[in-house]
C-alpha cells in the first residue's frame, strides 16, 4: 500500500548542494524540509574521498560530508536515506520506494540535487573484452577506501585532470603501482604541483595525445592498447584500469519529469535563481554542470535556498527566459537561461581545447554585450568564469545570447 504525504520542500539528493539548500531552507523557517537520498549514507561524493582539502580548513572528504549532514539536520531538515525516487506523479509530486515501502510525496517546491557521475567504460565505447579490474574513480574509491577490497597490482589511469590524480592517490593507498596516466589532450589539466609530484616523486609517466583503443584479457584485465594521435599504437601491461573524469549530470529524474535540458551541460536548464522551466522545480549542484568541487556546489545550494524561500513567499515564476548558447570550442555555460530579474551571480563555462589567451565575446542578435579576457588560460576540464555585469544589456524579447571565444 502506498503512503501519501505532503511537505513544504522536497530536496532530492543529499550531497553538498542538496544538504546546503536544506540547511538554508530549514534554518530560515521554510516549513517542513525533507531530503531524500538513495544511498544508505548521506554526504555525496566527498564521503568517498579520504584526501584532505575540503572546506576552508582542509577537512577530509568524510569529515566534510559529516559537517554538511550535521548542518542540515541541525537546522531542522528531515533526512531520509535509502530512498529512491522513481518518477513523477504530478508537477510537484514524486513517487519513491524504500525499505518502508512505496510513498508519494507532494511538495510546494522541489529541489533536484542529484549530482553527476563519471561515464563508465561502456558509455565511452571502449572496445575489447569485459574483464575484471575496470573501474571509474567513484567505484575505485568505494572498493578501496570504503570496503577495503583488493584492487590489483599495476594500473593505468585514463585522464589527467584533478580527479585523475585523486584516483592516483587512492591507488597508492591501496598498494597499486601506476604504469601511466593517459590523456587524449596534448597536456594535463591539473595543478602543476600535482603533476610534478606524480612524475618526479612517484615516477608515473604522463602519456598525452593518446586514447585507450582496446581492453585486453579474459577473466582479469591483462593490458590496454593505446592509440596515439599520430597513428602509433602501443600496449601497456596492467591488471587494473581506472576511467576518470568525463562527468555527466545524473539527469534521469529531470528527464522523466519532462524538464527542459540544456544541450551543452545535458542537465536541467536553469536561470540565475536555479529555476527550471517547470514552476516550483529548482535544480542545483553538479546535476547542472558536471562536475564542480564540493565547496562550489555547497555555495550554490545556499544561494538556491534563498531563491526557494522567495518563491514560497510570493509564488513568482518567470513566464519566459532568454537561452544562453556557446560556440566551439566552448562546451557549455551554466546557468544557461537568463531572466532579467535574476541576472545570476556569474557564469561557469567549459572549453574542449586549450586557449592560452582567451577572449570571451557575448552577443545577442549581432549586438556585442560584453568582451572580456579571463586572467587564466582556458583549459579543458577546468572552469572558466565570467561575471554577470553584462546581463542588464540583454533584450528580454530578443534572441538567444551567444558566448564565443574571440
Protein backbone atom coordinates (compact mmCIF):
# COMPACT_ATOMS: atom_id res chain seq x y z
CA UNK A 1 0.00 0.00 0.00
CA UNK A 2 1.37 3.40 -0.95
CA UNK A 3 1.56 6.15 1.65
CA UNK A 4 0.92 9.76 0.62
CA UNK A 5 2.46 12.72 2.38
CA UNK A 6 2.80 16.50 1.95
CA UNK A 7 5.89 18.57 2.78
CA UNK A 8 6.85 22.17 2.09
CA UNK A 9 10.15 21.47 0.30
CA UNK A 10 11.45 18.17 -1.01
CA UNK A 11 15.18 18.02 -1.78
CA UNK A 12 16.26 15.03 -3.89
CA UNK A 13 19.91 14.22 -3.23
CA UNK A 14 21.96 14.54 -0.05
CA UNK A 15 25.30 15.69 -1.40
CA UNK A 16 26.86 19.05 -0.51
CA UNK A 17 24.47 21.03 -2.75
CA UNK A 18 21.27 19.40 -1.52
CA UNK A 19 22.31 19.49 2.12
CA UNK A 20 23.33 23.16 1.90
CA UNK A 21 19.98 24.01 0.31
CA UNK A 22 18.14 22.09 3.02
CA UNK A 23 20.16 23.75 5.79
CA UNK A 24 19.39 27.20 4.42
CA UNK A 25 15.69 26.48 3.99
CA UNK A 26 15.11 24.78 7.33
CA UNK A 27 17.23 27.33 9.19
CA UNK A 28 15.16 30.18 7.73
CA UNK A 29 11.86 28.60 8.76
CA UNK A 30 10.70 27.46 5.33
CA UNK A 31 8.41 24.85 6.89
CA UNK A 32 8.88 21.10 6.63
CA UNK A 33 12.03 20.47 4.63
CA UNK A 34 12.80 16.86 3.70
CA UNK A 35 15.88 15.47 1.99
CA UNK A 36 15.78 12.03 0.37
CA UNK A 37 18.92 10.13 -0.66
CA UNK A 38 19.08 6.81 -2.47
CA UNK A 39 22.34 5.73 -0.84
CA UNK A 40 22.43 4.40 2.70
CA UNK A 41 24.65 7.23 3.86
CA UNK A 42 24.30 10.93 3.11
CA UNK A 43 27.13 13.24 2.09
CA UNK A 44 27.59 12.60 -1.62
CA UNK A 45 30.93 12.14 -3.33
CA UNK A 46 33.08 13.68 -0.53
CA UNK A 47 32.40 10.77 1.79
CA UNK A 48 34.26 8.53 -0.67
CA UNK A 49 37.35 10.79 -0.70
CA UNK A 50 39.81 10.24 2.12
CA UNK A 51 42.10 13.02 0.96
CA UNK A 52 42.09 16.43 2.70
CA UNK A 53 41.36 19.84 1.24
CA UNK A 54 37.59 20.01 1.68
CA UNK A 55 36.10 23.20 3.07
CA UNK A 56 38.01 26.20 4.35
CA UNK A 57 40.01 24.28 6.94
CA UNK A 58 41.07 21.35 4.77
CA UNK A 59 38.88 18.56 6.13
CA UNK A 60 38.93 15.06 4.73
CA UNK A 61 36.04 14.13 2.47
CA UNK A 62 34.19 12.08 5.13
CA UNK A 63 34.67 14.86 7.71
CA UNK A 64 33.31 17.43 5.29
CA UNK A 65 30.33 15.20 4.48
CA UNK A 66 29.58 14.78 8.19
CA UNK A 67 29.59 18.56 8.64
CA UNK A 68 27.19 19.03 5.74
CA UNK A 69 24.82 16.43 7.19
CA UNK A 70 25.07 17.92 10.68
CA UNK A 71 24.31 21.41 9.35
CA UNK A 72 21.16 20.28 7.55
CA UNK A 73 19.84 18.10 10.37
CA UNK A 74 20.82 20.68 12.98
CA UNK A 75 18.83 23.34 11.11
CA UNK A 76 15.74 21.14 11.31
CA UNK A 77 15.66 19.35 7.95
CA UNK A 78 14.43 15.75 7.89
CA UNK A 79 16.97 13.44 6.25
CA UNK A 80 15.93 10.03 4.91
CA UNK A 81 18.46 7.70 3.29
CA UNK A 82 17.89 4.53 1.29
CA UNK A 83 15.03 6.26 -0.57
CA UNK A 84 14.93 6.01 -4.36
CA UNK A 85 12.76 8.49 -6.22
CA UNK A 86 11.29 6.57 -9.13
CA UNK A 87 9.26 9.15 -11.00
CA UNK A 88 6.75 11.97 -11.08
CA UNK A 89 3.05 11.63 -10.35
CA UNK A 90 2.45 15.34 -10.94
CA UNK A 91 4.34 18.63 -11.40
CA UNK A 92 5.36 18.71 -7.71
CA UNK A 93 4.57 15.12 -6.71
CA UNK A 94 7.21 12.41 -6.65
CA UNK A 95 6.95 8.65 -6.17
CA UNK A 96 9.58 6.89 -4.10
CA UNK A 97 10.44 3.48 -2.77
CA UNK A 98 12.40 2.49 0.33
CA UNK A 99 12.52 -0.33 2.89
CA UNK A 100 9.45 1.34 4.40
CA UNK A 101 7.52 0.74 1.18
CA UNK A 102 6.08 2.97 -1.53
CA UNK A 103 5.43 6.65 -0.95
CA UNK A 104 4.01 9.55 -2.91
CA UNK A 105 5.30 12.92 -1.69
CA UNK A 106 3.82 16.24 -2.75
CA UNK A 107 5.72 19.46 -2.03
CA UNK A 108 5.25 23.17 -2.51
CA UNK A 109 8.73 23.25 -4.06
CA UNK A 110 11.11 20.54 -5.30
CA UNK A 111 14.89 20.92 -5.41
CA UNK A 112 16.77 18.46 -7.64
CA UNK A 113 20.32 17.92 -6.37
CA UNK A 114 21.00 14.54 -7.92
CA UNK A 115 24.64 15.26 -8.77
CA UNK A 116 26.79 13.75 -11.51
CA UNK A 117 28.57 10.54 -12.34
CA UNK A 118 31.59 9.52 -14.36
CA UNK A 119 30.87 7.77 -17.61
CA UNK A 120 31.99 4.14 -17.34
CA UNK A 121 33.89 2.18 -19.96
CA UNK A 122 30.72 1.09 -21.78
CA UNK A 123 29.46 4.66 -22.20
CA UNK A 124 32.85 5.68 -23.58
CA UNK A 125 32.55 2.94 -26.23
CA UNK A 126 35.95 1.40 -25.44
CA UNK A 127 36.08 -1.96 -27.26
CA UNK A 128 37.64 -5.20 -26.13
CA UNK A 129 36.83 -7.95 -23.67
CA UNK A 130 34.94 -7.46 -20.40
CA UNK A 131 37.46 -8.47 -17.76
CA UNK A 132 37.56 -7.71 -14.05
CA UNK A 133 39.73 -4.80 -12.93
CA UNK A 134 37.90 -1.95 -14.71
CA UNK A 135 36.80 0.99 -12.52
CA UNK A 136 35.64 4.57 -12.53
CA UNK A 137 37.11 6.84 -9.83
CA UNK A 138 33.99 6.53 -7.70
CA UNK A 139 33.96 2.74 -7.97
CA UNK A 140 37.66 2.64 -7.09
CA UNK A 141 37.21 4.85 -4.02
CA UNK A 142 34.29 2.79 -2.75
CA UNK A 143 36.10 -0.50 -3.31
CA UNK A 144 39.46 0.59 -1.87
CA UNK A 145 38.60 3.11 0.84
CA UNK A 146 35.13 2.12 1.99
CA UNK A 147 35.14 -1.65 1.55
CA UNK A 148 38.89 -2.32 1.77
CA UNK A 149 38.80 -4.64 -1.22
CA UNK A 150 41.89 -5.79 -3.08
CA UNK A 151 42.25 -3.72 -6.24
CA UNK A 152 45.18 -5.10 -8.22
CA UNK A 153 48.94 -4.67 -8.65
CA UNK A 154 49.52 -2.41 -11.68
CA UNK A 155 47.12 0.20 -13.06
CA UNK A 156 46.59 2.63 -15.92
CA UNK A 157 44.67 5.80 -15.12
CA UNK A 158 42.70 7.28 -18.02
CA UNK A 159 42.61 11.06 -17.65
CA UNK A 160 44.91 13.84 -16.46
CA UNK A 161 42.57 16.24 -14.67
CA UNK A 162 42.34 16.80 -10.88
CA UNK A 163 40.09 13.78 -10.29
CA UNK A 164 42.63 11.61 -12.14
CA UNK A 165 45.28 12.49 -9.58
CA UNK A 166 42.80 11.75 -6.79
CA UNK A 167 42.49 8.27 -8.30
CA UNK A 168 46.28 8.08 -8.29
CA UNK A 169 46.27 8.79 -4.53
CA UNK A 170 43.66 6.08 -3.94
CA UNK A 171 45.69 3.54 -5.90
CA UNK A 172 48.81 4.42 -3.92
CA UNK A 173 46.98 3.88 -0.61
CA UNK A 174 45.76 0.51 -1.92
CA UNK A 175 49.33 -0.55 -2.77
CA UNK A 176 48.81 -0.48 -6.54
CA UNK A 177 51.65 0.66 -8.82
CA UNK A 178 50.60 3.02 -11.62
CA UNK A 179 52.06 2.34 -15.05
CA UNK A 180 50.86 5.60 -16.63
CA UNK A 181 48.29 8.34 -16.83
CA UNK A 182 46.80 8.60 -20.31
CA UNK A 183 45.04 11.65 -21.74
CA UNK A 184 43.64 12.44 -25.16
CA UNK A 185 44.67 16.08 -24.70
CA UNK A 186 48.12 17.48 -25.58
CA UNK A 187 48.86 18.13 -21.89
CA UNK A 188 47.46 17.67 -18.41
CA UNK A 189 44.62 19.73 -16.93
CA UNK A 190 45.62 19.61 -13.25
CA UNK A 191 47.64 21.94 -10.99
CA UNK A 192 51.31 21.77 -11.92
CA UNK A 193 52.36 20.74 -8.41
CA UNK A 194 50.19 17.63 -8.61
CA UNK A 195 51.68 16.65 -11.94
CA UNK A 196 55.26 17.21 -10.83
CA UNK A 197 54.67 15.18 -7.68
CA UNK A 198 53.31 12.28 -9.73
CA UNK A 199 56.08 12.35 -12.32
CA UNK A 200 59.13 13.21 -10.22
CA UNK A 201 58.41 11.71 -6.80
CA UNK A 202 56.29 8.75 -7.82
CA UNK A 203 57.72 8.11 -11.28
CA UNK A 204 54.35 7.98 -13.05
CA UNK A 205 54.65 8.89 -16.75
CA UNK A 206 52.04 11.05 -18.45
CA UNK A 207 51.12 9.88 -21.96
CA UNK A 208 49.45 12.69 -23.91
CA UNK A 209 47.54 12.71 -27.21
CA UNK A 210 46.57 9.09 -26.59
CA UNK A 211 43.35 7.16 -26.12
CA UNK A 212 42.53 3.67 -24.89
CA UNK A 213 41.65 1.77 -28.06
CA UNK A 214 41.05 -1.66 -26.53
CA UNK A 215 40.94 -3.56 -23.24
CA UNK A 216 42.79 -6.88 -23.23
CA UNK A 217 42.47 -10.05 -21.18
CA UNK A 218 39.88 -12.62 -20.22
CA UNK A 219 38.72 -13.10 -16.68
CA UNK A 220 41.11 -10.40 -15.49
CA UNK A 221 42.45 -7.39 -17.35
CA UNK A 222 45.93 -8.05 -18.77
CA UNK A 223 46.60 -4.76 -20.52
CA UNK A 224 45.33 -1.85 -22.58
CA UNK A 225 46.06 -0.98 -26.19
CA UNK A 226 46.69 2.72 -26.76
CA UNK A 227 46.29 4.70 -29.95
CA UNK A 228 48.33 7.88 -30.29
CA UNK A 229 47.15 10.87 -32.27
CA UNK A 230 49.88 10.31 -34.87
CA UNK A 231 48.56 6.79 -35.58
CA UNK A 232 51.05 4.82 -33.50
CA UNK A 233 49.73 2.11 -31.20
CA UNK A 234 51.22 0.62 -28.05
CA UNK A 235 50.31 -1.89 -25.37
CA UNK A 236 50.65 -1.25 -21.64
CA UNK A 237 50.52 -4.31 -19.38
CA UNK A 238 48.28 -3.83 -16.34
CA UNK A 239 45.63 -5.64 -14.33
CA UNK A 240 43.63 -2.51 -13.45
CA UNK A 241 42.35 0.47 -15.42
CA UNK A 242 40.58 3.48 -13.92
CA UNK A 243 38.46 5.72 -16.17
CA UNK A 244 38.40 9.16 -14.57
CA UNK A 245 36.55 12.38 -15.32
CA UNK A 246 34.14 12.66 -18.25
CA UNK A 247 31.37 13.54 -15.82
CA UNK A 248 27.74 13.71 -16.91
CA UNK A 249 24.81 15.05 -14.89
CA UNK A 250 22.63 12.44 -13.23
CA UNK A 251 19.62 13.85 -15.03
CA UNK A 252 17.33 10.82 -15.25
CA UNK A 253 14.76 12.24 -12.83
CA UNK A 254 14.78 15.61 -14.58
CA UNK A 255 14.28 13.89 -17.92
CA UNK A 256 11.42 11.80 -16.61
CA UNK A 257 9.77 14.97 -15.36
CA UNK A 258 9.92 16.50 -18.83
CA UNK A 259 12.18 19.34 -17.70
CA UNK A 260 13.99 21.31 -20.38
CA UNK A 261 17.59 20.03 -20.60
CA UNK A 262 20.43 22.22 -21.78
CA UNK A 263 22.11 20.75 -24.89
CA UNK A 264 25.58 21.61 -23.61
CA UNK A 265 25.53 20.55 -19.97
CA UNK A 266 22.88 17.84 -20.54
CA UNK A 267 21.46 18.82 -17.17
CA UNK A 268 18.31 20.84 -16.39
CA UNK A 269 18.36 24.31 -17.93
CA UNK A 270 18.15 26.93 -15.15
CA UNK A 271 18.32 30.67 -14.65
CA UNK A 272 20.32 32.56 -12.04
CA UNK A 273 17.83 31.60 -9.33
CA UNK A 274 18.22 27.89 -10.15
CA UNK A 275 14.67 27.78 -11.54
CA UNK A 276 13.89 25.22 -14.23
CA UNK A 277 11.18 25.66 -16.84
CA UNK A 278 8.68 23.92 -14.51
CA UNK A 279 7.06 26.14 -11.87
CA UNK A 280 8.20 25.21 -8.38
CA UNK A 281 11.05 22.92 -9.52
CA UNK A 282 14.61 24.04 -8.84
CA UNK A 283 17.90 22.32 -9.65
CA UNK A 284 21.29 22.88 -8.07
CA UNK A 285 24.80 21.45 -7.94
CA UNK A 286 26.51 19.08 -10.32
CA UNK A 287 23.28 17.95 -11.96
CA UNK A 288 23.65 21.34 -13.69
CA UNK A 289 27.34 21.34 -14.59
CA UNK A 290 29.31 18.16 -14.07
CA UNK A 291 31.47 18.50 -12.16
CA UNK A 292 32.48 21.32 -9.81
CA UNK A 293 34.15 20.98 -6.36
CA UNK A 294 32.11 20.42 -3.20
CA UNK A 295 32.65 23.96 -1.91
CA UNK A 296 31.29 25.42 -5.16
CA UNK A 297 28.10 23.35 -5.21
CA UNK A 298 27.56 23.89 -1.46
CA UNK A 299 27.65 27.63 -2.09
CA UNK A 300 25.12 27.15 -4.88
CA UNK A 301 22.90 25.19 -2.51
CA UNK A 302 22.93 28.07 -0.03
CA UNK A 303 22.09 30.53 -2.82
CA UNK A 304 19.31 28.30 -4.09
CA UNK A 305 17.74 28.17 -0.63
CA UNK A 306 17.20 31.93 -0.79
CA UNK A 307 15.54 31.63 -4.21
CA UNK A 308 13.26 28.83 -2.99
CA UNK A 309 12.25 30.90 0.05
CA UNK A 310 11.30 33.82 -2.21
CA UNK A 311 9.19 31.51 -4.33
CA UNK A 312 7.41 30.06 -1.29
CA UNK A 313 6.69 33.60 -0.15
CA UNK A 314 5.47 35.28 -3.34
CA UNK A 315 4.92 32.46 -5.85
CA UNK A 316 6.61 34.40 -8.67
CA UNK A 317 7.93 32.40 -11.61
CA UNK A 318 9.28 33.76 -14.90
CA UNK A 319 6.99 33.43 -17.89
CA UNK A 320 9.96 33.18 -20.25
CA UNK A 321 13.74 33.24 -20.28
CA UNK A 322 16.43 34.05 -22.81
CA UNK A 323 18.57 30.98 -23.60
CA UNK A 324 22.36 31.21 -23.45
CA UNK A 325 24.31 29.35 -26.15
CA UNK A 326 28.02 28.75 -26.66
CA UNK A 327 30.15 28.23 -29.77
CA UNK A 328 33.04 25.79 -30.24
CA UNK A 329 35.45 25.26 -28.59
CA UNK A 330 33.27 26.16 -25.62
CA UNK A 331 31.28 23.14 -24.42
CA UNK A 332 28.67 24.70 -22.14
CA UNK A 333 27.68 27.55 -19.85
CA UNK A 334 25.79 27.46 -16.55
CA UNK A 335 23.36 28.95 -15.69
CA UNK A 336 22.07 28.75 -19.26
CA UNK A 337 18.81 30.70 -19.09
CA UNK A 338 18.57 34.40 -18.36
CA UNK A 339 15.69 36.17 -16.68
CA UNK A 340 16.09 39.90 -16.30
CA UNK A 341 15.02 39.96 -12.64
CA UNK A 342 17.55 37.20 -11.77
CA UNK A 343 20.77 38.07 -13.60
CA UNK A 344 22.83 35.33 -11.87
CA UNK A 345 25.83 35.63 -9.60
CA UNK A 346 28.13 34.82 -12.51
CA UNK A 347 28.59 32.11 -15.11
CA UNK A 348 30.75 29.00 -15.41
CA UNK A 349 31.96 27.76 -18.79
CA UNK A 350 34.00 24.82 -20.01
CA UNK A 351 36.16 24.54 -23.10
CA UNK A 352 37.16 21.48 -25.11
CA UNK A 353 40.51 22.96 -26.19
CA UNK A 354 43.47 24.77 -24.62
CA UNK A 355 43.39 28.50 -25.34
CA UNK A 356 46.37 30.43 -23.96
CA UNK A 357 44.82 33.90 -24.04
CA UNK A 358 41.06 33.56 -24.30
CA UNK A 359 38.77 36.49 -25.05
CA UNK A 360 35.10 35.90 -24.30
CA UNK A 361 32.63 37.73 -26.53
CA UNK A 362 28.95 37.92 -25.55
CA UNK A 363 26.45 38.90 -28.27
CA UNK A 364 22.72 39.00 -28.87
CA UNK A 365 21.16 39.44 -32.29
CA UNK A 366 24.51 40.64 -33.66
CA UNK A 367 24.97 43.22 -30.89
CA UNK A 368 28.06 42.91 -28.66
CA UNK A 369 27.08 42.97 -24.99
CA UNK A 370 30.39 42.18 -23.36
CA UNK A 371 34.00 41.38 -24.14
CA UNK A 372 36.50 40.19 -21.56
CA UNK A 373 39.83 38.44 -21.29
CA UNK A 374 39.96 35.98 -18.36
CA UNK A 375 43.23 36.12 -16.42
CA UNK A 376 43.88 32.41 -16.80
CA UNK A 377 44.21 30.23 -19.89
CA UNK A 378 41.19 28.20 -20.94
CA UNK A 379 41.89 24.55 -20.04
CA UNK A 380 39.64 21.53 -20.73
CA UNK A 381 38.01 20.02 -17.64
CA UNK A 382 38.60 23.20 -15.64
CA UNK A 383 36.10 26.03 -15.10
CA UNK A 384 36.25 29.36 -16.88
CA UNK A 385 34.36 32.14 -15.09
CA UNK A 386 32.66 35.25 -16.42
CA UNK A 387 30.85 37.91 -14.40
CA UNK A 388 27.20 38.81 -14.83
CA UNK A 389 27.73 42.56 -15.21
CA UNK A 390 26.58 42.49 -18.85
CA UNK A 391 23.18 40.92 -18.23
CA UNK A 392 21.41 44.29 -17.82
CA UNK A 393 22.06 44.93 -21.52
CA UNK A 394 20.18 41.81 -22.63
CA UNK A 395 16.94 42.36 -24.51
CA UNK A 396 14.39 40.12 -22.77
CA UNK A 397 12.37 39.96 -26.01
CA UNK A 398 15.40 39.26 -28.19
CA UNK A 399 17.01 36.10 -29.44
CA UNK A 400 19.45 33.78 -27.68
CA UNK A 401 22.56 35.24 -26.09
CA UNK A 402 25.67 33.72 -27.63
CA UNK A 403 29.06 33.34 -25.95
CA UNK A 404 32.15 32.64 -28.03
CA UNK A 405 35.92 32.78 -27.77
CA UNK A 406 37.09 35.70 -29.88
